Amino acid sequence: MFRKDFKSKGYTQVKSSDRKKLRQQFQQTYPSIPDDILSLTIPLGKGEDFTSCRLLLSTGDDILVYSTNKIPWFFIVEDIKTKTERILPTVYLLWKYPDLLKLKFHTHKHVFNYLMNGADLMLPGLLLPPGGVTLHTFRHVQRDELCSICLDDNRYPIGIGQTTMDGEDMYMSGMKGRGVVPLHIYQDALWNIGPRSEVPYEKEQRQLFVTDQEKINENTEQACAQASNDFNSLNLNEGSISASPSNEVPDHPESMDEILDTIFFYLCQRKAKSYELPLLASHFYTIMQDCVPGLTLDLKLSSHKKFSKFLQYQQQINNLISLDETKPGVLAIISFNLINNPQLDHFRTPAWLKNYLTKASSTPAATTESDQPMIKYTFPTITELWKTNSRVNEILGCSTSTHYLRPDEIRQAVRSYVMKNNLNQEKQVKLDPILSRLLKTTNQSSMLVSWNELNSAVFDAMSPSTELLFTHLEQPVRINGHLQSIELECIDRNRKRQTFIRHLDIYQIDLNELCKRIRQGASVSAVINEADEAKRTGRIIMAQGNQVSFVARLLKDDYGVPSKHIKEI
């Protein structure tokens, strides 16, 4: 598609409303993409660069390419068969998240030259596992499915393509013929408009295809044996046959409205009194979802379409809750109306919900254990140090090499130097040539200074540093300068508030775990942003809304960070 040069019509900044629509479309197309990669690809912040560029290809096709800071992340083309738009990633996005596409094919390194010249990827050129090709090897491959193309054992793709046949046809063809039509590859014209970076390398670890027919047969035999045992264990008398249909419990109702109402009534009847109010609507939705593990509460399949509409329905029609906005655009439940409600009094938990609740109650122990950051993280032991140099080495009794000393060690060394040279005079210190040079004075014969003034001069002549001793490291980590506190700052951007958390990398806090804690505890979005080289803050966590107080309490209680190392701006 991009083998020949194209004509571009210039870059245009994408509007905020269009960014949100693109972000929703991208998440629907690629639901597995992490939040930090999505924020990097389609930034929503005001002033952040995100442009579109219309390209006219040599084939006559007209496509849109979306970029940030001149890095093309994805492009949109029209599917000729379905007449719908398709969002396709570039190699730059796949190098950030190589598992974006579920289907991936590996080929030999020398095949790349043929692909660059416009050839299709042929089935004989595919790298397959040692077990060979069976009917089940490509069982999940569909025709016209988007896939990644990799070289040898590298997990990072060199391009994307589209399959020409499904998995069964691949097997029946004897692995001959065209397999994948490349759409965009490394070193083509689209790659050329970006930073032109090279393909990274990391060995592929996951198993892409099933080829062990014996293992498949073994699983089939086990399944057949289990089915035979189940069949033999049945009591096939007339009484059991007639009674069995009445004992069957449906998995769940087909109507999403009925599922939502049932879970809502259950929580109001059994759990409402234990909730701390006001309760955010987003948090309450998470509670409802946790009641039915494995079942997705898709509001689009209901008549309400949105969770806010569902809650408003429960407020106006059933009069079970009272709603209010705690902040502009943030809906919350402020009270539950549980007294003298006929519908709630007559509600009984159905059997299908009891099954889900039993399943949910068997998993919280493992979840709780994994959500304890205090087990994984221990705050380091911090020691303030000072770096010696030629100006103070003789006073402190150090050699010409650099030493790191604690403040108490420095004061003791200064005192020993003064006593050794008989410079102590009535709680003051008489200057000798070495001390005069340190204090930058020439008339040392009649000059007397206090102990505090001398110690301050010694510290001023040295460079500060900090030593952090972590429990999981044998050697301490030493950094130059004073230790930066963890900064918590709330900033208003485009009428929206965001909380920025900086200097976490210094303390070796797991940013992914902290983001997860913020999402669960505050029911807001939290993502990791790349390091700010200008401010030298390391990676930054950005959370939605003003979460300064919540994050400060989280760092103190769960991570054991002392208050003096947390700075609220």
Protein backbone atom coordinates (compact mmCIF):
# COMPACT_ATOMS: atom_id res chain seq x y z
CA MET A 1 0.00 0.00 0.00
CA PHE A 2 2.83 2.40 0.84
CA ARG A 3 5.53 0.91 -1.40
CA LYS A 4 5.48 4.00 -3.63
CA ASP A 5 5.55 7.64 -2.56
CA PHE A 6 2.31 9.49 -1.93
CA LYS A 7 1.07 13.07 -1.87
CA SER A 8 0.19 14.64 1.48
CA LYS A 9 -2.12 17.58 2.12
CA GLY A 10 -0.47 18.87 5.30
CA TYR A 11 -1.04 18.27 9.01
CA THR A 12 -4.16 19.48 10.84
CA GLN A 13 -4.70 19.55 14.61
CA VAL A 14 -7.53 17.22 15.68
CA LYS A 15 -10.33 18.77 17.75
CA SER A 16 -10.96 17.60 21.31
CA SER A 17 -14.39 16.17 20.44
CA ASP A 18 -12.93 14.24 17.50
CA ARG A 19 -10.17 12.89 19.74
CA LYS A 20 -12.73 11.43 22.14
CA LYS A 21 -14.63 9.77 19.27
CA LEU A 22 -11.41 8.34 17.86
CA ARG A 23 -10.41 7.07 21.28
CA GLN A 24 -13.75 5.23 21.67
CA GLN A 25 -13.45 3.72 18.19
CA PHE A 26 -9.88 2.64 18.90
CA GLN A 27 -10.84 0.98 22.19
CA GLN A 28 -13.71 -0.87 20.50
CA THR A 29 -11.40 -2.10 17.73
CA TYR A 30 -8.46 -2.98 20.03
CA PRO A 31 -9.87 -3.53 23.56
CA SER A 32 -6.60 -5.03 24.87
CA ILE A 33 -4.55 -1.84 24.45
CA PRO A 34 -3.27 -0.48 27.82
CA ASP A 35 -4.37 2.97 29.00
CA ASP A 36 -0.86 4.44 28.90
CA ILE A 37 -0.32 3.35 25.28
CA LEU A 38 -3.76 4.69 24.33
CA SER A 39 -3.01 8.05 25.98
CA LEU A 40 0.29 8.20 24.11
CA THR A 41 -1.43 7.39 20.81
CA ILE A 42 -4.48 9.66 21.22
CA PRO A 43 -3.71 12.34 23.85
CA LEU A 44 -6.69 14.23 25.27
CA GLY A 45 -4.82 16.98 27.12
CA LYS A 46 -5.16 20.57 25.99
CA GLY A 47 -2.12 21.75 24.04
CA GLU A 48 -0.86 18.21 23.35
CA ASP A 49 0.05 17.64 19.72
CA PHE A 50 -2.25 15.28 17.82
CA THR A 51 -2.59 15.80 14.07
CA SER A 52 -4.22 14.19 11.07
CA CYS A 53 -2.79 14.13 7.55
CA ARG A 54 -4.64 13.15 4.40
CA LEU A 55 -2.57 11.05 1.99
CA LEU A 56 -3.28 10.41 -1.69
CA LEU A 57 -1.68 7.08 -2.60
CA SER A 58 -0.41 6.02 -6.00
CA THR A 59 -3.29 3.52 -6.17
CA GLY A 60 -5.79 6.39 -5.96
CA ASP A 61 -6.82 5.58 -2.37
CA ASP A 62 -7.39 8.47 0.03
CA ILE A 63 -6.49 7.72 3.67
CA LEU A 64 -6.04 9.59 6.96
CA VAL A 65 -2.91 9.18 9.11
CA TYR A 66 -2.92 10.27 12.78
CA SER A 67 0.31 11.32 14.49
CA THR A 68 1.68 12.84 17.68
CA ASN A 69 4.92 14.79 17.48
CA LYS A 70 5.38 13.65 13.86
CA ILE A 71 5.15 9.95 14.84
CA PRO A 72 2.41 8.19 12.82
CA TRP A 73 0.56 5.80 15.14
CA PHE A 74 -2.38 4.59 13.02
CA PHE A 75 -4.28 5.24 9.81
CA ILE A 76 -7.85 4.79 8.63
CA VAL A 77 -8.82 3.12 5.37
CA GLU A 78 -12.18 2.15 3.87
CA ASP A 79 -12.95 -1.55 3.60
CA ILE A 80 -14.05 -2.13 0.00
CA LYS A 81 -16.24 -5.14 0.83
CA THR A 82 -18.09 -3.84 3.90
CA LYS A 83 -17.89 -0.12 3.00
CA THR A 84 -16.79 0.63 6.59
CA GLU A 85 -13.72 2.37 7.96
CA ARG A 86 -10.91 0.29 9.48
CA ILE A 87 -8.34 1.54 11.99
CA LEU A 88 -4.94 0.04 11.23
CA PRO A 89 -1.82 0.47 13.41
CA THR A 90 1.60 1.45 12.10
CA VAL A 91 4.83 -0.33 13.01
CA TYR A 92 5.61 2.51 15.44
CA LEU A 93 2.52 1.62 17.51
CA LEU A 94 3.25 -2.12 17.28
CA TRP A 95 6.76 -1.48 18.59
CA LYS A 96 5.17 0.14 21.65
CA TYR A 97 2.67 -2.71 22.12
CA PRO A 98 3.59 -5.72 19.94
CA ASP A 99 0.58 -7.82 21.05
CA LEU A 100 -2.01 -5.32 19.79
CA LEU A 101 -3.07 -7.71 17.02
CA LYS A 102 -4.09 -11.19 18.17
CA LEU A 103 -2.94 -12.92 14.98
CA LYS A 104 0.80 -12.99 14.30
CA PHE A 105 2.88 -14.78 11.62
CA HIS A 106 6.67 -15.26 11.66
CA THR A 107 8.75 -15.63 8.50
CA HIS A 108 12.42 -15.93 7.53
CA LYS A 109 14.64 -12.87 7.58
CA HIS A 110 15.53 -13.03 3.88
CA VAL A 111 11.81 -12.87 2.96
CA PHE A 112 11.80 -9.18 3.98
CA ASN A 113 13.53 -8.15 0.71
CA TYR A 114 10.71 -9.74 -1.30
CA LEU A 115 8.09 -7.99 0.83
CA MET A 116 9.83 -4.66 0.24
CA ASN A 117 9.59 -5.25 -3.53
CA GLY A 118 5.82 -5.70 -3.31
CA ALA A 119 5.52 -9.50 -2.99
CA ASP A 120 2.87 -11.16 -0.80
CA LEU A 121 3.81 -13.37 2.12
CA MET A 122 3.54 -16.96 0.83
CA LEU A 123 2.47 -19.88 3.02
CA PRO A 124 5.70 -21.89 2.42
CA GLY A 125 7.66 -18.97 3.91
CA LEU A 126 5.93 -19.12 7.31
CA LEU A 127 7.85 -20.33 10.36
CA LEU A 128 5.91 -23.07 12.13
CA PRO A 129 6.43 -24.86 15.48
CA PRO A 130 8.27 -28.22 15.40
CA GLY A 131 5.06 -30.25 15.53
CA GLY A 132 4.19 -29.53 11.90
CA VAL A 133 0.86 -28.41 10.44
CA THR A 134 -2.42 -30.06 11.41
CA LEU A 135 -6.04 -29.18 10.87
CA HIS A 136 -6.01 -27.46 14.25
CA THR A 137 -2.89 -25.35 13.69
CA PHE A 138 -4.67 -22.36 12.15
CA ARG A 139 -8.14 -23.15 13.51
CA HIS A 140 -8.63 -19.54 14.78
CA VAL A 141 -7.54 -17.79 11.53
CA GLN A 142 -10.29 -16.04 9.57
CA ARG A 143 -10.18 -14.77 6.02
CA ASP A 144 -9.38 -11.04 5.61
CA GLU A 145 -8.21 -10.94 9.25
CA LEU A 146 -5.62 -8.33 10.23
CA CYS A 147 -2.30 -9.79 11.39
CA SER A 148 1.26 -8.86 12.36
CA ILE A 149 4.30 -9.98 10.36
CA CYS A 150 7.51 -10.77 12.28
CA LEU A 151 10.97 -11.95 11.26
CA ASP A 152 12.54 -15.08 12.76
CA ASP A 153 11.94 -15.23 16.55
CA ASN A 154 11.51 -11.46 17.11
CA ARG A 155 8.20 -10.59 18.82
CA TYR A 156 8.27 -7.03 17.40
CA PRO A 157 6.54 -6.91 13.99
CA ILE A 158 8.02 -5.48 10.80
CA GLY A 159 4.59 -4.85 9.32
CA ILE A 160 0.90 -5.65 9.17
CA GLY A 161 -1.10 -7.59 6.59
CA GLN A 162 -4.40 -9.23 5.78
CA THR A 163 -4.96 -12.97 5.39
CA THR A 164 -6.16 -14.31 2.02
CA MET A 165 -7.88 -17.46 3.36
CA ASP A 166 -9.08 -19.00 6.60
CA GLY A 167 -7.19 -21.59 8.63
CA GLU A 168 -8.92 -24.63 7.16
CA ASP A 169 -8.15 -23.49 3.60
CA MET A 170 -4.51 -23.00 4.56
CA TYR A 171 -4.30 -26.61 5.72
CA MET A 172 -6.23 -28.01 2.74
CA SER A 173 -4.00 -26.12 0.28
CA GLY A 174 -0.98 -28.04 1.54
CA MET A 175 0.56 -24.77 2.78
CA LYS A 176 0.97 -23.46 -0.76
CA GLY A 177 -0.08 -20.16 -2.28
CA ARG A 178 -0.54 -16.64 -0.95
CA GLY A 179 -1.07 -16.38 2.79
CA VAL A 180 -0.89 -12.70 3.74
CA VAL A 181 -1.16 -9.49 1.70
CA PRO A 182 1.11 -6.83 3.31
CA LEU A 183 -0.56 -3.48 3.95
CA HIS A 184 2.27 -1.56 5.63
CA ILE A 185 5.82 -2.65 6.45
CA TYR A 186 9.05 -1.32 7.88
CA GLN A 187 11.00 1.05 5.56
CA ASP A 188 8.03 1.84 3.31
CA ALA A 189 6.81 5.38 2.56
CA LEU A 190 4.61 5.58 5.69
CA TRP A 191 7.50 4.51 7.95
CA ASN A 192 9.61 7.15 6.19
CA ILE A 193 7.49 10.10 7.42
CA GLY A 194 8.14 9.09 11.05
CA PRO A 195 11.39 9.13 13.08
CA ARG A 196 12.71 6.20 10.98
CA SER A 197 13.70 4.15 13.99
CA GLU A 198 14.92 0.56 13.71
CA VAL A 199 13.02 -2.58 14.65
CA PRO A 200 13.56 -3.48 18.34
CA TYR A 201 14.29 -7.08 19.29
CA GLU A 202 12.90 -9.38 21.94
CA LYS A 203 12.49 -13.13 21.66
CA GLU A 204 8.93 -14.36 21.20
CA GLN A 205 7.85 -16.29 24.29
CA ARG A 206 4.18 -17.13 23.75
CA GLN A 207 2.96 -20.13 21.72
CA LEU A 208 1.16 -18.85 18.63
CA PHE A 209 -0.27 -22.04 17.12
CA VAL A 210 -1.29 -25.52 18.29
CA THR A 211 0.48 -28.27 16.34
CA ASP A 212 0.73 -31.21 18.75
CA GLN A 213 -1.93 -33.55 17.38
CA GLU A 214 -1.22 -36.16 20.05
CA LYS A 215 -2.01 -33.63 22.77
CA ILE A 216 -5.25 -32.73 20.99
CA ASN A 217 -6.19 -36.40 20.74
CA GLU A 218 -5.35 -36.90 24.40
CA ASN A 219 -7.60 -34.01 25.41
CA THR A 220 -10.36 -35.38 23.16
CA GLU A 221 -10.08 -38.83 24.76
CA GLN A 222 -10.22 -37.32 28.23
CA ALA A 223 -13.29 -35.31 27.30
CA CYS A 224 -14.98 -38.41 25.85
CA ALA A 225 -14.11 -40.44 28.94
CA GLN A 226 -15.51 -37.73 31.21
CA ALA A 227 -18.71 -37.55 29.14
CA SER A 228 -19.02 -41.35 29.33
CA ASN A 229 -18.65 -41.31 33.12
CA ASP A 230 -21.24 -38.54 33.42
CA PHE A 231 -23.63 -40.51 31.22
CA ASN A 232 -23.19 -43.71 33.26
CA SER A 233 -23.76 -41.84 36.50
CA LEU A 234 -27.22 -40.66 35.37
CA ASN A 235 -30.23 -42.36 36.96
CA LEU A 236 -32.44 -42.88 33.92
CA ASN A 237 -35.75 -43.68 35.56
CA GLU A 238 -38.97 -41.92 34.83
CA GLY A 239 -39.06 -40.07 38.13
CA SER A 240 -35.65 -38.52 37.62
CA ILE A 241 -36.41 -37.61 34.02
CA SER A 242 -39.56 -35.78 34.95
CA ALA A 243 -37.94 -34.01 37.88
CA SER A 244 -34.73 -32.92 36.16
CA PRO A 245 -36.14 -30.02 34.12
CA SER A 246 -37.56 -28.34 37.22
CA ASN A 247 -34.16 -28.50 38.99
CA GLU A 248 -32.22 -26.89 36.18
CA VAL A 249 -31.06 -23.36 36.96
CA PRO A 250 -30.69 -20.98 34.02
CA ASP A 251 -27.28 -19.37 33.66
CA HIS A 252 -28.75 -15.85 33.64
CA PRO A 253 -31.76 -14.09 32.09
CA GLU A 254 -31.50 -13.03 28.47
CA SER A 255 -32.75 -9.49 29.16
CA MET A 256 -30.02 -7.09 30.29
CA ASP A 257 -32.67 -4.89 31.94
CA GLU A 258 -33.74 -7.83 34.13
CA ILE A 259 -30.11 -8.61 35.04
CA LEU A 260 -29.41 -4.99 36.03
CA ASP A 261 -32.63 -4.66 38.06
CA THR A 262 -32.01 -7.93 39.89
CA ILE A 263 -28.46 -7.03 40.91
CA PHE A 264 -29.54 -3.51 41.88
CA PHE A 265 -32.39 -4.77 44.10
CA TYR A 266 -30.09 -7.33 45.72
CA LEU A 267 -27.49 -4.70 46.63
CA CYS A 268 -30.15 -2.31 47.96
CA GLN A 269 -31.70 -5.04 50.08
CA ARG A 270 -28.54 -6.67 51.45
CA LYS A 271 -25.60 -4.24 51.16
CA ALA A 272 -26.87 -0.66 51.03
CA LYS A 273 -26.57 0.01 54.77
CA SER A 274 -22.83 -0.78 54.71
CA TYR A 275 -21.92 1.72 51.96
CA GLU A 276 -20.23 5.00 52.77
CA LEU A 277 -22.17 7.88 51.23
CA PRO A 278 -21.95 9.71 48.89
CA LEU A 279 -21.18 6.72 46.66
CA LEU A 280 -19.85 7.50 43.18
CA ALA A 281 -21.93 6.07 40.35
CA SER A 282 -18.79 4.65 38.71
CA HIS A 283 -17.88 2.88 41.96
CA PHE A 284 -21.37 1.46 42.33
CA TYR A 285 -21.21 0.10 38.77
CA THR A 286 -17.96 -1.70 39.72
CA ILE A 287 -19.74 -3.20 42.75
CA MET A 288 -22.57 -4.45 40.53
CA GLN A 289 -20.09 -5.97 38.08
CA ASP A 290 -18.25 -7.78 40.90
CA CYS A 291 -21.49 -9.58 41.81
CA VAL A 292 -21.48 -11.51 38.52
CA PRO A 293 -17.89 -12.56 37.70
CA GLY A 294 -17.59 -13.69 34.10
CA LEU A 295 -20.73 -11.84 32.98
CA THR A 296 -20.27 -8.41 31.40
CA LEU A 297 -22.91 -5.81 32.28
CA ASP A 298 -23.20 -4.18 28.87
CA LEU A 299 -25.42 -1.10 29.24
CA LYS A 300 -25.70 -0.78 25.46
CA LEU A 301 -27.74 -4.01 25.42
CA SER A 302 -30.27 -2.52 27.84
CA SER A 303 -32.99 0.02 27.22
CA HIS A 304 -31.12 2.61 29.33
CA LYS A 305 -27.93 2.67 27.19
CA LYS A 306 -26.06 4.57 29.94
CA PHE A 307 -25.53 3.80 33.64
CA SER A 308 -26.57 7.33 34.64
CA LYS A 309 -29.93 6.77 32.86
CA PHE A 310 -30.34 3.48 34.73
CA LEU A 311 -29.77 5.17 38.09
CA GLN A 312 -32.16 7.99 37.20
CA TYR A 313 -34.76 5.35 36.33
CA GLN A 314 -34.33 3.74 39.76
CA GLN A 315 -34.68 7.15 41.39
CA GLN A 316 -37.77 8.32 39.50
CA ILE A 317 -39.72 5.08 38.99
CA ASN A 318 -38.72 2.85 41.91
CA ASN A 319 -37.73 5.65 44.31
CA LEU A 320 -34.91 3.53 45.75
CA ILE A 321 -32.07 6.08 45.65
CA SER A 322 -31.38 9.81 45.61
CA LEU A 323 -28.82 11.20 43.18
CA ASP A 324 -26.77 14.38 43.09
CA GLU A 325 -23.64 15.74 41.41
CA THR A 326 -20.77 15.97 43.91
CA LYS A 327 -18.74 17.77 41.21
CA PRO A 328 -19.71 19.05 37.78
CA GLY A 329 -20.35 15.94 35.70
CA VAL A 330 -19.68 13.50 38.60
CA LEU A 331 -22.87 11.64 39.61
CA ALA A 332 -23.15 10.04 43.04
CA ILE A 333 -25.73 8.25 45.21
CA ILE A 334 -26.37 10.40 48.31
CA SER A 335 -28.98 8.18 50.01
CA PHE A 336 -30.86 4.86 49.79
CA ASN A 337 -34.64 4.89 50.36
CA LEU A 338 -35.18 1.42 51.82
CA ILE A 339 -38.21 1.92 54.10
CA ASN A 340 -41.79 1.15 52.98
CA ASN A 341 -40.81 0.12 49.46
CA PRO A 342 -43.13 -2.69 48.26
CA GLN A 343 -40.91 -3.80 45.39
CA LEU A 344 -37.91 -4.14 47.66
CA ASP A 345 -39.90 -5.94 50.37
CA HIS A 346 -41.15 -8.57 47.91
CA PHE A 347 -37.79 -9.09 46.22
CA ARG A 348 -36.17 -12.53 46.58
CA THR A 349 -32.70 -13.38 45.25
CA PRO A 350 -33.10 -15.68 42.21
CA ALA A 351 -31.13 -18.92 41.87
CA TRP A 352 -28.99 -17.71 38.98
CA LEU A 353 -27.71 -14.74 41.00
CA LYS A 354 -26.99 -17.00 43.99
CA ASN A 355 -24.74 -19.09 41.75
CA TYR A 356 -22.78 -16.03 40.68
CA LEU A 357 -22.51 -14.76 44.26
CA THR A 358 -21.14 -18.14 45.36
CA LYS A 359 -18.56 -17.96 42.57
CA ALA A 360 -17.63 -14.39 43.57
CA SER A 361 -17.26 -15.28 47.27
CA SER A 362 -14.69 -17.98 46.44
CA THR A 363 -12.24 -15.50 44.83
CA PRO A 364 -11.82 -12.49 47.14
CA ALA A 365 -9.12 -14.11 49.26
CA ALA A 366 -6.73 -14.34 46.33
CA THR A 367 -7.71 -10.86 45.15
CA THR A 368 -7.15 -9.31 48.53
CA GLU A 369 -3.77 -10.96 48.84
CA SER A 370 -2.62 -9.61 45.48
CA ASP A 371 -3.90 -6.11 46.27
CA GLN A 372 -1.66 -5.59 49.30
CA PRO A 373 1.17 -3.28 48.22
CA MET A 374 2.64 -3.25 51.74
CA ILE A 375 3.73 -6.86 51.23
CA LYS A 376 5.49 -6.03 47.99
CA TYR A 377 6.88 -2.61 48.91
CA THR A 378 8.92 -1.49 51.90
CA PHE A 379 9.94 2.13 52.21
CA PRO A 380 13.75 2.42 51.98
CA THR A 381 16.10 3.54 54.72
CA ILE A 382 17.25 7.04 53.75
CA THR A 383 20.63 8.42 54.81
CA GLU A 384 21.82 11.97 54.14
CA LEU A 385 25.45 12.06 52.97
CA TRP A 386 27.96 14.72 51.95
CA LYS A 387 30.63 14.28 49.29
CA THR A 388 34.17 15.35 50.21
CA ASN A 389 36.57 17.27 47.95
CA SER A 390 40.05 18.82 48.00
CA ARG A 391 38.87 21.86 50.01
CA VAL A 392 37.88 19.80 53.05
CA ASN A 393 39.84 16.56 52.74
CA GLU A 394 42.68 17.74 55.01
CA ILE A 395 40.29 19.05 57.66
CA LEU A 396 38.25 15.85 57.69
CA GLY A 397 41.30 13.60 57.60
CA CYS A 398 40.38 12.04 54.26
CA SER A 399 42.65 10.92 51.47
CA THR A 400 42.62 12.52 48.04
CA SER A 401 39.86 10.15 46.88
CA THR A 402 36.19 10.99 47.26
CA HIS A 403 34.38 9.97 50.44
CA TYR A 404 30.73 10.08 51.50
CA LEU A 405 30.21 11.03 55.15
CA ARG A 406 27.19 11.48 57.38
CA PRO A 407 26.61 14.90 59.04
CA ASP A 408 27.55 13.59 62.51
CA GLU A 409 30.79 12.12 61.12
CA ILE A 410 31.67 15.48 59.54
CA ARG A 411 31.10 17.42 62.78
CA GLN A 412 33.18 14.90 64.74
CA ALA A 413 36.03 15.13 62.19
CA VAL A 414 36.02 18.96 62.34
CA ARG A 415 36.13 18.87 66.12
CA SER A 416 39.02 16.39 66.09
CA TYR A 417 40.98 18.65 63.68
CA VAL A 418 40.46 21.72 65.91
CA MET A 419 41.48 19.90 69.11
CA LYS A 420 44.46 18.25 67.45
CA ASN A 421 45.89 21.65 66.34
CA ASN A 422 45.00 23.49 69.59
CA LEU A 423 42.70 25.96 67.82
CA ASN A 424 39.96 25.96 70.45
CA GLN A 425 39.73 29.29 72.33
CA GLU A 426 36.81 29.90 74.74
CA LYS A 427 34.03 28.24 72.70
CA GLN A 428 35.45 29.70 69.50
CA VAL A 429 37.91 28.49 66.91
CA LYS A 430 41.11 30.25 65.88
CA LEU A 431 41.81 30.11 62.17
CA ASP A 432 44.94 28.49 60.79
CA PRO A 433 46.00 28.78 57.10
CA ILE A 434 43.84 25.78 56.09
CA LEU A 435 40.72 27.11 57.83
CA SER A 436 41.38 30.61 56.49
CA ARG A 437 41.50 29.27 52.97
CA LEU A 438 38.22 27.48 53.58
CA LEU A 439 36.57 30.63 54.93
CA LYS A 440 38.25 32.76 52.23
CA THR A 441 39.93 35.21 54.66
CA THR A 442 43.57 36.39 54.69
CA ASN A 443 44.06 37.78 58.22
CA GLN A 444 43.84 34.57 60.20
CA SER A 445 46.03 35.62 63.15
CA SER A 446 43.33 37.62 64.91
CA MET A 447 40.28 35.97 63.40
CA LEU A 448 38.04 33.88 65.60
CA VAL A 449 34.87 32.13 64.40
CA SER A 450 32.12 30.21 66.20
CA TRP A 451 31.68 26.47 65.91
CA ASN A 452 28.43 26.89 63.98
CA GLU A 453 30.09 29.21 61.48
CA LEU A 454 32.96 26.77 60.94
CA ASN A 455 30.64 23.75 60.50
CA SER A 456 28.48 25.72 58.06
CA ALA A 457 31.53 26.61 55.98
CA VAL A 458 32.58 22.97 55.84
CA PHE A 459 29.11 21.83 54.71
CA ASP A 460 28.91 24.66 52.14
CA ALA A 461 32.16 23.47 50.57
CA MET A 462 30.77 19.93 50.08
CA SER A 463 28.16 18.47 47.73
CA PRO A 464 25.03 16.84 49.20
CA SER A 465 23.94 13.32 48.23
CA THR A 466 21.40 10.77 49.44
CA GLU A 467 21.67 7.02 50.00
CA LEU A 468 18.60 4.78 49.78
CA LEU A 469 18.77 1.23 51.11
CA PHE A 470 16.03 -1.04 49.74
CA THR A 471 15.23 -4.41 51.26
CA HIS A 472 15.27 -6.15 47.87
CA LEU A 473 18.71 -4.80 46.89
CA GLU A 474 22.03 -5.84 48.35
CA GLN A 475 23.77 -2.52 47.61
CA PRO A 476 22.30 0.90 48.47
CA VAL A 477 21.29 3.34 45.75
CA ARG A 478 23.18 6.64 45.89
CA ILE A 479 21.94 9.79 44.15
CA ASN A 480 23.50 13.25 43.90
CA GLY A 481 21.77 16.17 45.58
CA HIS A 482 19.02 16.27 48.17
CA LEU A 483 16.22 13.71 47.90
CA GLN A 484 13.14 14.99 46.07
CA SER A 485 9.82 14.52 47.81
CA ILE A 486 6.90 12.89 46.02
CA GLU A 487 4.98 15.80 44.49
CA LEU A 488 1.18 15.80 44.33
CA GLU A 489 -0.20 18.62 42.20
CA CYS A 490 -3.74 19.30 40.96
CA ILE A 491 -3.89 21.24 37.68
CA ASP A 492 -6.90 22.58 35.79
CA ARG A 493 -6.71 21.79 32.08
CA ASN A 494 -9.47 22.71 29.67
CA ARG A 495 -12.05 22.92 32.50
CA LYS A 496 -10.98 19.53 33.79
CA ARG A 497 -8.85 18.76 36.80
CA GLN A 498 -5.96 16.32 36.78
CA THR A 499 -3.69 15.17 39.58
CA PHE A 500 0.00 14.79 38.72
CA ILE A 501 2.18 12.49 40.88
CA ARG A 502 5.93 12.99 40.35
CA HIS A 503 9.28 11.59 41.59
CA LEU A 504 7.96 8.06 42.18
CA ASP A 505 10.77 6.34 40.29
CA ILE A 506 13.31 7.55 42.88
CA TYR A 507 11.54 5.49 45.56
CA GLN A 508 11.16 2.47 43.19
CA ILE A 509 7.38 2.36 43.66
CA ASP A 510 5.54 0.11 41.19
CA LEU A 511 3.63 2.65 39.10
CA ASN A 512 1.31 0.06 37.55
CA GLU A 513 0.27 -1.18 40.98
CA LEU A 514 -0.26 2.38 42.22
CA CYS A 515 -2.41 3.20 39.17
CA LYS A 516 -4.49 0.11 39.88
CA ARG A 517 -4.96 1.24 43.50
CA ILE A 518 -6.07 4.71 42.41
CA ARG A 519 -8.56 3.28 39.89
CA GLN A 520 -10.07 0.92 42.46
CA GLY A 521 -10.07 3.30 45.42
CA ALA A 522 -11.10 6.55 43.75
CA SER A 523 -13.00 5.07 40.75
CA VAL A 524 -11.18 7.39 38.35
CA SER A 525 -8.84 6.96 35.41
CA ALA A 526 -5.10 6.84 36.17
CA VAL A 527 -2.36 6.44 33.54
CA ILE A 528 1.44 6.56 33.39
CA ASN A 529 3.06 9.34 31.36
CA GLU A 530 6.60 9.27 30.00
CA ALA A 531 9.46 11.00 31.81
CA ASP A 532 9.67 14.80 31.68
CA GLU A 533 13.29 15.36 30.69
CA ALA A 534 13.05 19.14 31.18
CA LYS A 535 12.01 18.86 34.84
CA ARG A 536 13.81 15.55 35.45
CA THR A 537 10.83 14.15 37.32
CA GLY A 538 10.95 10.62 35.94
CA ARG A 539 7.70 8.97 34.94
CA ILE A 540 4.49 10.68 36.04
CA ILE A 541 1.09 9.31 37.05
CA MET A 542 -1.89 11.37 35.88
CA ALA A 543 -5.21 10.77 37.68
CA GLN A 544 -8.58 12.22 36.80
CA GLY A 545 -9.94 14.90 39.16
CA ASN A 546 -8.46 16.24 42.39
CA GLN A 547 -7.05 13.14 44.09
CA VAL A 548 -4.30 14.83 46.13
CA SER A 549 -5.76 13.91 49.53
CA PHE A 550 -6.62 10.36 48.47
CA VAL A 551 -3.17 9.65 46.99
CA ALA A 552 -1.41 11.18 50.00
CA ARG A 553 -3.41 8.94 52.34
CA LEU A 554 -2.75 5.94 50.08
CA LEU A 555 1.02 6.54 50.09
CA LYS A 556 1.10 6.94 53.88
CA ASP A 557 -1.16 4.03 54.82
CA ASP A 558 -0.39 1.37 52.19
CA TYR A 559 3.15 2.26 51.10
CA GLY A 560 4.51 3.58 54.40
CA VAL A 561 5.81 6.85 52.95
CA PRO A 562 6.52 9.39 55.77
CA SER A 563 4.71 12.73 55.54
CA LYS A 564 7.98 14.65 55.15
CA HIS A 565 8.59 12.87 51.82
CA ILE A 566 5.16 13.88 50.40
CA LYS A 567 4.77 17.41 49.06
CA GLU A 568 1.29 18.66 48.22
CA ILE A 569 1.40 21.58 45.77
